[in-house]
Structures are given as structure tokens and as C-alpha cells.
Full PDB file with SEQRES, HELIX, SHEET, SSBOND, CRYST1, ORIGX, SCALE, CONECT and MASTER records, all heavy atoms in Angstrom:
SEQRES   1 A   35  HIS THR ASP VAL ASP PRO ALA ASP PRO PRO LYS LEU ARG          
SEQRES   2 A   35  ARG GLU CYS LEU VAL LEU ILE ARG ASP GLY HIS GLY ALA          
SEQRES   3 A   35  VAL LEU MET VAL LYS PRO LYS HIS THR                          
CRYST1    1.000    1.000    1.000  90.00  90.00  90.00 P 1           1          
ORIGX1      1.000000  0.000000  0.000000        0.00000                         
ORIGX2      0.000000  1.000000  0.000000        0.00000                         
ORIGX3      0.000000  0.000000  1.000000        0.00000                         
SCALE1      1.000000  0.000000  0.000000        0.00000                         
SCALE2      0.000000  1.000000  0.000000        0.00000                         
SCALE3      0.000000  0.000000  1.000000        0.00000                         
ATOM      1  N   HIS A   1    -157.358  98.227  83.161  1.00  0.00           N  
ATOM      2  CA  HIS A   1    -156.520  98.985  84.090  1.00  0.00           C  
ATOM      3  C   HIS A   1    -157.000  98.695  85.469  1.00  0.00           C  
ATOM      4  O   HIS A   1    -158.078  98.802  85.910  1.00  0.00           O  
ATOM      5  CB  HIS A   1    -156.711 100.537  83.824  1.00  0.00           C  
ATOM      6  CG  HIS A   1    -156.214 100.956  82.577  1.00  0.00           C  
ATOM      7  ND1 HIS A   1    -154.963 101.221  82.364  1.00  0.00           N  
ATOM      8  CD2 HIS A   1    -156.933 101.212  81.366  1.00  0.00           C  
ATOM      9  CE1 HIS A   1    -154.747 101.686  81.094  1.00  0.00           C  
ATOM     10  NE2 HIS A   1    -155.904 101.617  80.454  1.00  0.00           N  
ATOM     11  N   THR A   2    -156.034  97.999  86.131  1.00  0.00           N  
ATOM     12  CA  THR A   2    -156.332  97.574  87.535  1.00  0.00           C  
ATOM     13  C   THR A   2    -156.121  98.583  88.638  1.00  0.00           C  
ATOM     14  O   THR A   2    -156.466  98.441  89.778  1.00  0.00           O  
ATOM     15  CB  THR A   2    -155.536  96.278  87.909  1.00  0.00           C  
ATOM     16  OG1 THR A   2    -154.136  96.628  87.794  1.00  0.00           O  
ATOM     17  CG2 THR A   2    -155.879  95.138  86.964  1.00  0.00           C  
ATOM     18  N   ASP A   3    -155.431  99.775  88.182  1.00  0.00           N  
ATOM     19  CA  ASP A   3    -155.150 100.790  89.281  1.00  0.00           C  
ATOM     20  C   ASP A   3    -156.392 101.844  89.310  1.00  0.00           C  
ATOM     21  O   ASP A   3    -156.247 102.722  90.092  1.00  0.00           O  
ATOM     22  CB  ASP A   3    -153.902 101.480  88.745  1.00  0.00           C  
ATOM     23  CG  ASP A   3    -153.906 102.164  87.382  1.00  0.00           C  
ATOM     24  OD1 ASP A   3    -154.813 101.706  86.535  1.00  0.00           O  
ATOM     25  OD2 ASP A   3    -153.201 103.134  87.260  1.00  0.00           O  
ATOM     26  N   VAL A   4    -157.400 101.584  88.623  1.00  0.00           N  
ATOM     27  CA  VAL A   4    -158.536 102.546  88.667  1.00  0.00           C  
ATOM     28  C   VAL A   4    -159.798 101.747  89.089  1.00  0.00           C  
ATOM     29  O   VAL A   4    -160.101 100.655  88.558  1.00  0.00           O  
ATOM     30  CB  VAL A   4    -158.928 103.148  87.268  1.00  0.00           C  
ATOM     31  CG1 VAL A   4    -160.184 103.985  87.299  1.00  0.00           C  
ATOM     32  CG2 VAL A   4    -157.695 104.048  86.826  1.00  0.00           C  
ATOM     33  N   ASP A   5    -160.440 102.149  90.202  1.00  0.00           N  
ATOM     34  CA  ASP A   5    -161.622 101.585  90.682  1.00  0.00           C  
ATOM     35  C   ASP A   5    -162.859 101.931  89.771  1.00  0.00           C  
ATOM     36  O   ASP A   5    -163.242 103.160  89.798  1.00  0.00           O  
ATOM     37  CB  ASP A   5    -161.875 102.027  92.117  1.00  0.00           C  
ATOM     38  CG  ASP A   5    -163.106 101.417  92.721  1.00  0.00           C  
ATOM     39  OD1 ASP A   5    -163.802 100.607  91.982  1.00  0.00           O  
ATOM     40  OD2 ASP A   5    -163.396 101.700  93.929  1.00  0.00           O  
ATOM     41  N   PRO A   6    -163.398 101.061  89.020  1.00  0.00           N  
ATOM     42  CA  PRO A   6    -164.561 101.435  88.113  1.00  0.00           C  
ATOM     43  C   PRO A   6    -165.776 101.939  88.799  1.00  0.00           C  
ATOM     44  O   PRO A   6    -166.537 102.689  88.312  1.00  0.00           O  
ATOM     45  CB  PRO A   6    -164.779 100.144  87.349  1.00  0.00           C  
ATOM     46  CG  PRO A   6    -164.147  99.077  88.050  1.00  0.00           C  
ATOM     47  CD  PRO A   6    -163.010  99.569  88.910  1.00  0.00           C  
ATOM     48  N   ALA A   7    -165.871 101.607  90.070  1.00  0.00           N  
ATOM     49  CA  ALA A   7    -166.990 101.991  90.934  1.00  0.00           C  
ATOM     50  C   ALA A   7    -166.842 103.482  91.335  1.00  0.00           C  
ATOM     51  O   ALA A   7    -167.844 104.131  91.627  1.00  0.00           O  
ATOM     52  CB  ALA A   7    -167.218 101.076  92.142  1.00  0.00           C  
ATOM     53  N   ASP A   8    -165.652 104.007  91.326  1.00  0.00           N  
ATOM     54  CA  ASP A   8    -165.293 105.307  91.835  1.00  0.00           C  
ATOM     55  C   ASP A   8    -164.199 105.884  90.901  1.00  0.00           C  
ATOM     56  O   ASP A   8    -163.237 106.155  91.420  1.00  0.00           O  
ATOM     57  CB  ASP A   8    -165.038 105.284  93.255  1.00  0.00           C  
ATOM     58  CG  ASP A   8    -164.919 106.774  93.800  1.00  0.00           C  
ATOM     59  OD1 ASP A   8    -165.543 107.675  93.289  1.00  0.00           O  
ATOM     60  OD2 ASP A   8    -164.106 107.000  94.819  1.00  0.00           O  
ATOM     61  N   PRO A   9    -164.538 106.198  89.771  1.00  0.00           N  
ATOM     62  CA  PRO A   9    -163.482 106.677  88.771  1.00  0.00           C  
ATOM     63  C   PRO A   9    -163.154 108.177  89.271  1.00  0.00           C  
ATOM     64  O   PRO A   9    -163.907 108.885  89.718  1.00  0.00           O  
ATOM     65  CB  PRO A   9    -164.136 106.666  87.396  1.00  0.00           C  
ATOM     66  CG  PRO A   9    -165.578 106.766  87.697  1.00  0.00           C  
ATOM     67  CD  PRO A   9    -165.870 106.033  88.907  1.00  0.00           C  
ATOM     68  N   PRO A  10    -161.881 108.428  88.884  1.00  0.00           N  
ATOM     69  CA  PRO A  10    -161.462 109.904  89.280  1.00  0.00           C  
ATOM     70  C   PRO A  10    -162.239 110.859  88.452  1.00  0.00           C  
ATOM     71  O   PRO A  10    -162.507 110.593  87.281  1.00  0.00           O  
ATOM     72  CB  PRO A  10    -160.026 109.834  88.958  1.00  0.00           C  
ATOM     73  CG  PRO A  10    -159.729 108.851  88.020  1.00  0.00           C  
ATOM     74  CD  PRO A  10    -160.800 107.732  88.259  1.00  0.00           C  
ATOM     75  N   LYS A  11    -162.412 112.092  89.017  1.00  0.00           N  
ATOM     76  CA  LYS A  11    -163.024 113.188  88.282  1.00  0.00           C  
ATOM     77  C   LYS A  11    -161.962 113.864  87.564  1.00  0.00           C  
ATOM     78  O   LYS A  11    -160.798 114.118  88.095  1.00  0.00           O  
ATOM     79  CB  LYS A  11    -163.754 114.062  89.290  1.00  0.00           C  
ATOM     80  CG  LYS A  11    -164.895 113.465  89.990  1.00  0.00           C  
ATOM     81  CD  LYS A  11    -166.085 113.243  89.052  1.00  0.00           C  
ATOM     82  CE  LYS A  11    -167.267 112.729  89.877  1.00  0.00           C  
ATOM     83  NZ  LYS A  11    -168.206 111.929  89.175  1.00  0.00           N  
ATOM     84  N   LEU A  12    -162.139 114.323  86.376  1.00  0.00           N  
ATOM     85  CA  LEU A  12    -161.073 115.028  85.677  1.00  0.00           C  
ATOM     86  C   LEU A  12    -161.600 116.388  85.255  1.00  0.00           C  
ATOM     87  O   LEU A  12    -162.748 116.516  84.739  1.00  0.00           O  
ATOM     88  CB  LEU A  12    -160.737 114.336  84.302  1.00  0.00           C  
ATOM     89  CG  LEU A  12    -159.805 115.014  83.468  1.00  0.00           C  
ATOM     90  CD1 LEU A  12    -158.377 115.006  84.044  1.00  0.00           C  
ATOM     91  CD2 LEU A  12    -159.776 114.315  82.092  1.00  0.00           C  
ATOM     92  N   ARG A  13    -160.971 117.377  85.668  1.00  0.00           N  
ATOM     93  CA  ARG A  13    -161.344 118.768  85.300  1.00  0.00           C  
ATOM     94  C   ARG A  13    -160.814 119.043  83.907  1.00  0.00           C  
ATOM     95  O   ARG A  13    -159.608 118.813  83.613  1.00  0.00           O  
ATOM     96  CB  ARG A  13    -160.859 119.763  86.283  1.00  0.00           C  
ATOM     97  CG  ARG A  13    -161.318 119.635  87.748  1.00  0.00           C  
ATOM     98  CD  ARG A  13    -160.701 120.697  88.615  1.00  0.00           C  
ATOM     99  NE  ARG A  13    -159.250 120.520  88.675  1.00  0.00           N  
ATOM    100  CZ  ARG A  13    -158.416 121.425  88.508  1.00  0.00           C  
ATOM    101  NH1 ARG A  13    -158.762 122.699  88.204  1.00  0.00           N  
ATOM    102  NH2 ARG A  13    -157.133 121.305  88.609  1.00  0.00           N  
ATOM    103  N   ARG A  14    -161.628 119.604  83.084  1.00  0.00           N  
ATOM    104  CA  ARG A  14    -161.176 120.096  81.711  1.00  0.00           C  
ATOM    105  C   ARG A  14    -161.279 121.620  81.701  1.00  0.00           C  
ATOM    106  O   ARG A  14    -162.435 122.188  81.583  1.00  0.00           O  
ATOM    107  CB  ARG A  14    -162.018 119.404  80.625  1.00  0.00           C  
ATOM    108  CG  ARG A  14    -161.587 118.010  80.342  1.00  0.00           C  
ATOM    109  CD  ARG A  14    -162.466 117.431  79.256  1.00  0.00           C  
ATOM    110  NE  ARG A  14    -163.854 117.411  79.657  1.00  0.00           N  
ATOM    111  CZ  ARG A  14    -164.943 117.849  78.961  1.00  0.00           C  
ATOM    112  NH1 ARG A  14    -164.754 118.364  77.812  1.00  0.00           N  
ATOM    113  NH2 ARG A  14    -166.161 117.734  79.445  1.00  0.00           N  
ATOM    114  N   GLU A  15    -160.181 122.277  81.648  1.00  0.00           N  
ATOM    115  CA  GLU A  15    -160.158 123.688  81.498  1.00  0.00           C  
ATOM    116  C   GLU A  15    -159.974 124.024  80.077  1.00  0.00           C  
ATOM    117  O   GLU A  15    -159.047 123.556  79.430  1.00  0.00           O  
ATOM    118  CB  GLU A  15    -159.061 124.357  82.350  1.00  0.00           C  
ATOM    119  CG  GLU A  15    -159.025 125.855  82.269  1.00  0.00           C  
ATOM    120  CD  GLU A  15    -157.907 126.369  83.042  1.00  0.00           C  
ATOM    121  OE1 GLU A  15    -156.765 125.869  82.939  1.00  0.00           O  
ATOM    122  OE2 GLU A  15    -158.075 127.468  83.672  1.00  0.00           O  
ATOM    123  N   CYS A  16    -160.885 124.726  79.473  1.00  0.00           N  
ATOM    124  CA  CYS A  16    -160.854 125.081  77.960  1.00  0.00           C  
ATOM    125  C   CYS A  16    -160.687 126.552  77.757  1.00  0.00           C  
ATOM    126  O   CYS A  16    -161.597 127.422  78.015  1.00  0.00           O  
ATOM    127  CB  CYS A  16    -162.249 124.606  77.407  1.00  0.00           C  
ATOM    128  SG  CYS A  16    -162.596 122.879  77.683  1.00  0.00           S  
ATOM    129  N   LEU A  17    -159.531 126.886  77.403  1.00  0.00           N  
ATOM    130  CA  LEU A  17    -159.020 128.314  77.292  1.00  0.00           C  
ATOM    131  C   LEU A  17    -158.832 128.548  75.723  1.00  0.00           C  
ATOM    132  O   LEU A  17    -158.712 127.696  74.911  1.00  0.00           O  
ATOM    133  CB  LEU A  17    -157.616 128.432  77.924  1.00  0.00           C  
ATOM    134  CG  LEU A  17    -157.600 128.076  79.404  1.00  0.00           C  
ATOM    135  CD1 LEU A  17    -156.180 128.131  79.911  1.00  0.00           C  
ATOM    136  CD2 LEU A  17    -158.586 128.901  80.258  1.00  0.00           C  
ATOM    137  N   VAL A  18    -158.945 129.958  75.520  1.00  0.00           N  
ATOM    138  CA  VAL A  18    -158.839 130.403  74.098  1.00  0.00           C  
ATOM    139  C   VAL A  18    -157.701 131.413  73.983  1.00  0.00           C  
ATOM    140  O   VAL A  18    -157.756 132.459  74.694  1.00  0.00           O  
ATOM    141  CB  VAL A  18    -160.102 131.012  73.541  1.00  0.00           C  
ATOM    142  CG1 VAL A  18    -160.033 131.372  72.090  1.00  0.00           C  
ATOM    143  CG2 VAL A  18    -161.187 129.856  73.780  1.00  0.00           C  
ATOM    144  N   LEU A  19    -156.682 131.197  73.088  1.00  0.00           N  
ATOM    145  CA  LEU A  19    -155.693 132.177  72.750  1.00  0.00           C  
ATOM    146  C   LEU A  19    -156.119 132.979  71.593  1.00  0.00           C  
ATOM    147  O   LEU A  19    -156.241 132.477  70.487  1.00  0.00           O  
ATOM    148  CB  LEU A  19    -154.343 131.409  72.557  1.00  0.00           C  
ATOM    149  CG  LEU A  19    -153.200 132.403  72.144  1.00  0.00           C  
ATOM    150  CD1 LEU A  19    -152.742 133.206  73.446  1.00  0.00           C  
ATOM    151  CD2 LEU A  19    -152.093 131.593  71.651  1.00  0.00           C  
ATOM    152  N   ILE A  20    -156.316 134.297  71.769  1.00  0.00           N  
ATOM    153  CA  ILE A  20    -156.648 135.252  70.725  1.00  0.00           C  
ATOM    154  C   ILE A  20    -155.713 136.307  70.645  1.00  0.00           C  
ATOM    155  O   ILE A  20    -155.336 136.815  71.748  1.00  0.00           O  
ATOM    156  CB  ILE A  20    -158.031 135.703  70.835  1.00  0.00           C  
ATOM    157  CG1 ILE A  20    -159.173 134.599  70.653  1.00  0.00           C  
ATOM    158  CG2 ILE A  20    -158.355 136.893  69.792  1.00  0.00           C  
ATOM    159  CD1 ILE A  20    -160.571 135.113  70.745  1.00  0.00           C  
ATOM    160  N   ARG A  21    -155.157 136.732  69.455  1.00  0.00           N  
ATOM    161  CA  ARG A  21    -154.258 137.822  69.492  1.00  0.00           C  
ATOM    162  C   ARG A  21    -154.855 138.937  68.586  1.00  0.00           C  
ATOM    163  O   ARG A  21    -155.749 138.620  67.793  1.00  0.00           O  
ATOM    164  CB  ARG A  21    -152.981 137.329  68.877  1.00  0.00           C  
ATOM    165  CG  ARG A  21    -152.189 136.467  69.734  1.00  0.00           C  
ATOM    166  CD  ARG A  21    -150.817 136.206  69.313  1.00  0.00           C  
ATOM    167  NE  ARG A  21    -150.817 135.155  68.416  1.00  0.00           N  
ATOM    168  CZ  ARG A  21    -149.662 134.628  67.826  1.00  0.00           C  
ATOM    169  NH1 ARG A  21    -148.528 135.156  68.017  1.00  0.00           N  
ATOM    170  NH2 ARG A  21    -149.687 133.604  67.038  1.00  0.00           N  
ATOM    171  N   ASP A  22    -154.392 140.110  68.812  1.00  0.00           N  
ATOM    172  CA  ASP A  22    -154.830 141.162  67.856  1.00  0.00           C  
ATOM    173  C   ASP A  22    -153.733 141.369  66.710  1.00  0.00           C  
ATOM    174  O   ASP A  22    -152.748 140.601  66.794  1.00  0.00           O  
ATOM    175  CB  ASP A  22    -154.999 142.553  68.682  1.00  0.00           C  
ATOM    176  CG  ASP A  22    -153.814 143.178  69.208  1.00  0.00           C  
ATOM    177  OD1 ASP A  22    -152.668 142.679  68.922  1.00  0.00           O  
ATOM    178  OD2 ASP A  22    -153.868 144.107  69.957  1.00  0.00           O  
ATOM    179  N   GLY A  23    -153.937 142.285  65.844  1.00  0.00           N  
ATOM    180  CA  GLY A  23    -153.016 142.538  64.760  1.00  0.00           C  
ATOM    181  C   GLY A  23    -151.544 142.902  65.263  1.00  0.00           C  
ATOM    182  O   GLY A  23    -150.650 142.908  64.389  1.00  0.00           O  
ATOM    183  N   HIS A  24    -151.377 143.315  66.446  1.00  0.00           N  
ATOM    184  CA  HIS A  24    -150.098 143.747  66.922  1.00  0.00           C  
ATOM    185  C   HIS A  24    -149.421 142.611  67.767  1.00  0.00           C  
ATOM    186  O   HIS A  24    -148.309 142.882  68.272  1.00  0.00           O  
ATOM    187  CB  HIS A  24    -150.186 145.007  67.749  1.00  0.00           C  
ATOM    188  CG  HIS A  24    -150.875 146.065  67.046  1.00  0.00           C  
ATOM    189  ND1 HIS A  24    -150.365 146.851  66.054  1.00  0.00           N  
ATOM    190  CD2 HIS A  24    -152.169 146.582  67.222  1.00  0.00           C  
ATOM    191  CE1 HIS A  24    -151.190 147.737  65.573  1.00  0.00           C  
ATOM    192  NE2 HIS A  24    -152.297 147.682  66.345  1.00  0.00           N  
ATOM    193  N   GLY A  25    -150.139 141.466  67.836  1.00  0.00           N  
ATOM    194  CA  GLY A  25    -149.503 140.475  68.646  1.00  0.00           C  
ATOM    195  C   GLY A  25    -149.927 140.363  70.101  1.00  0.00           C  
ATOM    196  O   GLY A  25    -149.441 139.442  70.723  1.00  0.00           O  
ATOM    197  N   ALA A  26    -150.678 141.241  70.545  1.00  0.00           N  
ATOM    198  CA  ALA A  26    -151.196 141.195  71.917  1.00  0.00           C  
ATOM    199  C   ALA A  26    -152.117 140.077  72.180  1.00  0.00           C  
ATOM    200  O   ALA A  26    -152.899 139.689  71.317  1.00  0.00           O  
ATOM    201  CB  ALA A  26    -151.731 142.533  72.409  1.00  0.00           C  
ATOM    202  N   VAL A  27    -152.052 139.504  73.428  1.00  0.00           N  
ATOM    203  CA  VAL A  27    -152.975 138.495  73.745  1.00  0.00           C  
ATOM    204  C   VAL A  27    -154.152 139.035  74.527  1.00  0.00           C  
ATOM    205  O   VAL A  27    -153.961 139.829  75.412  1.00  0.00           O  
ATOM    206  CB  VAL A  27    -152.169 137.448  74.762  1.00  0.00           C  
ATOM    207  CG1 VAL A  27    -153.029 136.360  75.208  1.00  0.00           C  
ATOM    208  CG2 VAL A  27    -150.987 136.940  73.916  1.00  0.00           C  
ATOM    209  N   LEU A  28    -155.374 138.438  74.237  1.00  0.00           N  
ATOM    210  CA  LEU A  28    -156.550 138.894  74.923  1.00  0.00           C  
ATOM    211  C   LEU A  28    -156.618 138.151  76.245  1.00  0.00           C  
ATOM    212  O   LEU A  28    -156.476 136.915  76.301  1.00  0.00           O  
ATOM    213  CB  LEU A  28    -157.815 138.491  74.128  1.00  0.00           C  
ATOM    214  CG  LEU A  28    -159.153 138.953  74.692  1.00  0.00           C  
ATOM    215  CD1 LEU A  28    -159.277 140.462  74.812  1.00  0.00           C  
ATOM    216  CD2 LEU A  28    -160.280 138.454  73.848  1.00  0.00           C  
ATOM    217  N   MET A  29    -156.803 138.894  77.330  1.00  0.00           N  
ATOM    218  CA  MET A  29    -156.872 138.378  78.658  1.00  0.00           C  
ATOM    219  C   MET A  29    -157.987 138.882  79.455  1.00  0.00           C  
ATOM    220  O   MET A  29    -158.448 140.002  79.164  1.00  0.00           O  
ATOM    221  CB  MET A  29    -155.462 138.479  79.461  1.00  0.00           C  
ATOM    222  CG  MET A  29    -154.392 137.750  78.757  1.00  0.00           C  
ATOM    223  SD  MET A  29    -152.792 137.985  79.596  1.00  0.00           S  
ATOM    224  CE  MET A  29    -153.078 136.718  80.877  1.00  0.00           C  
ATOM    225  N   VAL A  30    -158.523 138.117  80.406  1.00  0.00           N  
ATOM    226  CA  VAL A  30    -159.608 138.501  81.278  1.00  0.00           C  
ATOM    227  C   VAL A  30    -159.109 138.435  82.855  1.00  0.00           C  
ATOM    228  O   VAL A  30    -158.231 137.599  83.091  1.00  0.00           O  
ATOM    229  CB  VAL A  30    -160.849 137.650  81.198  1.00  0.00           C  
ATOM    230  CG1 VAL A  30    -161.439 137.838  79.709  1.00  0.00           C  
ATOM    231  CG2 VAL A  30    -160.658 136.191  81.487  1.00  0.00           C  
ATOM    232  N   LYS A  31    -159.787 139.227  83.671  1.00  0.00           N  
ATOM    233  CA  LYS A  31    -159.405 139.258  85.092  1.00  0.00           C  
ATOM    234  C   LYS A  31    -160.564 138.742  85.867  1.00  0.00           C  
ATOM    235  O   LYS A  31    -161.499 139.540  86.164  1.00  0.00           O  
ATOM    236  CB  LYS A  31    -158.945 140.501  85.562  1.00  0.00           C  
ATOM    237  CG  LYS A  31    -158.512 140.493  87.063  1.00  0.00           C  
ATOM    238  CD  LYS A  31    -157.614 141.735  87.326  1.00  0.00           C  
ATOM    239  CE  LYS A  31    -157.157 141.752  88.819  1.00  0.00           C  
ATOM    240  NZ  LYS A  31    -156.379 140.673  89.256  1.00  0.00           N  
ATOM    241  N   PRO A  32    -160.514 137.413  86.363  1.00  0.00           N  
ATOM    242  CA  PRO A  32    -161.605 136.878  87.149  1.00  0.00           C  
ATOM    243  C   PRO A  32    -161.632 137.516  88.534  1.00  0.00           C  
ATOM    244  O   PRO A  32    -160.635 138.005  89.015  1.00  0.00           O  
ATOM    245  CB  PRO A  32    -161.301 135.423  87.326  1.00  0.00           C  
ATOM    246  CG  PRO A  32    -160.337 135.148  86.244  1.00  0.00           C  
ATOM    247  CD  PRO A  32    -159.511 136.435  85.936  1.00  0.00           C  
ATOM    248  N   LYS A  33    -162.816 137.678  89.113  1.00  0.00           N  
ATOM    249  CA  LYS A  33    -162.866 138.251  90.449  1.00  0.00           C  
ATOM    250  C   LYS A  33    -162.379 137.190  91.605  1.00  0.00           C  
ATOM    251  O   LYS A  33    -162.023 137.589  92.606  1.00  0.00           O  
ATOM    252  CB  LYS A  33    -164.364 138.695  90.775  1.00  0.00           C  
ATOM    253  CG  LYS A  33    -164.647 139.959  90.009  1.00  0.00           C  
ATOM    254  CD  LYS A  33    -166.123 140.342  90.357  1.00  0.00           C  
ATOM    255  CE  LYS A  33    -166.482 141.687  89.654  1.00  0.00           C  
ATOM    256  NZ  LYS A  33    -167.778 142.129  90.062  1.00  0.00           N  
ATOM    257  N   HIS A  34    -162.614 135.946  91.239  1.00  0.00           N  
ATOM    258  CA  HIS A  34    -162.361 135.012  92.281  1.00  0.00           C  
ATOM    259  C   HIS A  34    -160.917 134.543  92.388  1.00  0.00           C  
ATOM    260  O   HIS A  34    -160.548 133.770  93.333  1.00  0.00           O  
ATOM    261  CB  HIS A  34    -163.301 133.680  92.027  1.00  0.00           C  
ATOM    262  CG  HIS A  34    -162.938 132.999  90.796  1.00  0.00           C  
ATOM    263  ND1 HIS A  34    -163.350 133.352  89.653  1.00  0.00           N  
ATOM    264  CD2 HIS A  34    -162.149 131.869  90.608  1.00  0.00           C  
ATOM    265  CE1 HIS A  34    -162.885 132.537  88.661  1.00  0.00           C  
ATOM    266  NE2 HIS A  34    -162.100 131.612  89.258  1.00  0.00           N  
ATOM    267  N   THR A  35    -159.997 134.948  91.497  1.00  0.00           N  
ATOM    268  CA  THR A  35    -158.607 134.531  91.546  1.00  0.00           C  
ATOM    269  C   THR A  35    -157.671 135.812  91.284  1.00  0.00           C  
ATOM    270  O   THR A  35    -158.223 136.757  90.676  1.00  0.00           O  
ATOM    271  CB  THR A  35    -158.344 133.511  90.574  1.00  0.00           C  
ATOM    272  OG1 THR A  35    -158.468 134.090  89.178  1.00  0.00           O  
ATOM    273  CG2 THR A  35    -159.078 132.228  90.705  1.00  0.00           C  
TER     274      THR A  35                                                      
MASTER        0    0    0    0    0    0    0    6  273    1    0    3          
END                                                                             
């Protein structure tokens, strides 16, 4: 790949989320303080 500088490769963020439901189909969610 000539479009990527091997000396300075791009940083990639990997956000890893989990979808959990209860027996009624509700989704478990959290409320972060920073967003």
C-alpha cells in the first residue's frame, strides 16, 4: 500500500461495546460522566 507511510501509520481507535438484553427485550445502557 503506497498510500500509507509505514514510518507513521495511522492510529485506529477500537471501541468495543456489548449489547445485552433482559428477558423483556430491554437493552442495558450506561451513562458516562464525560459525554
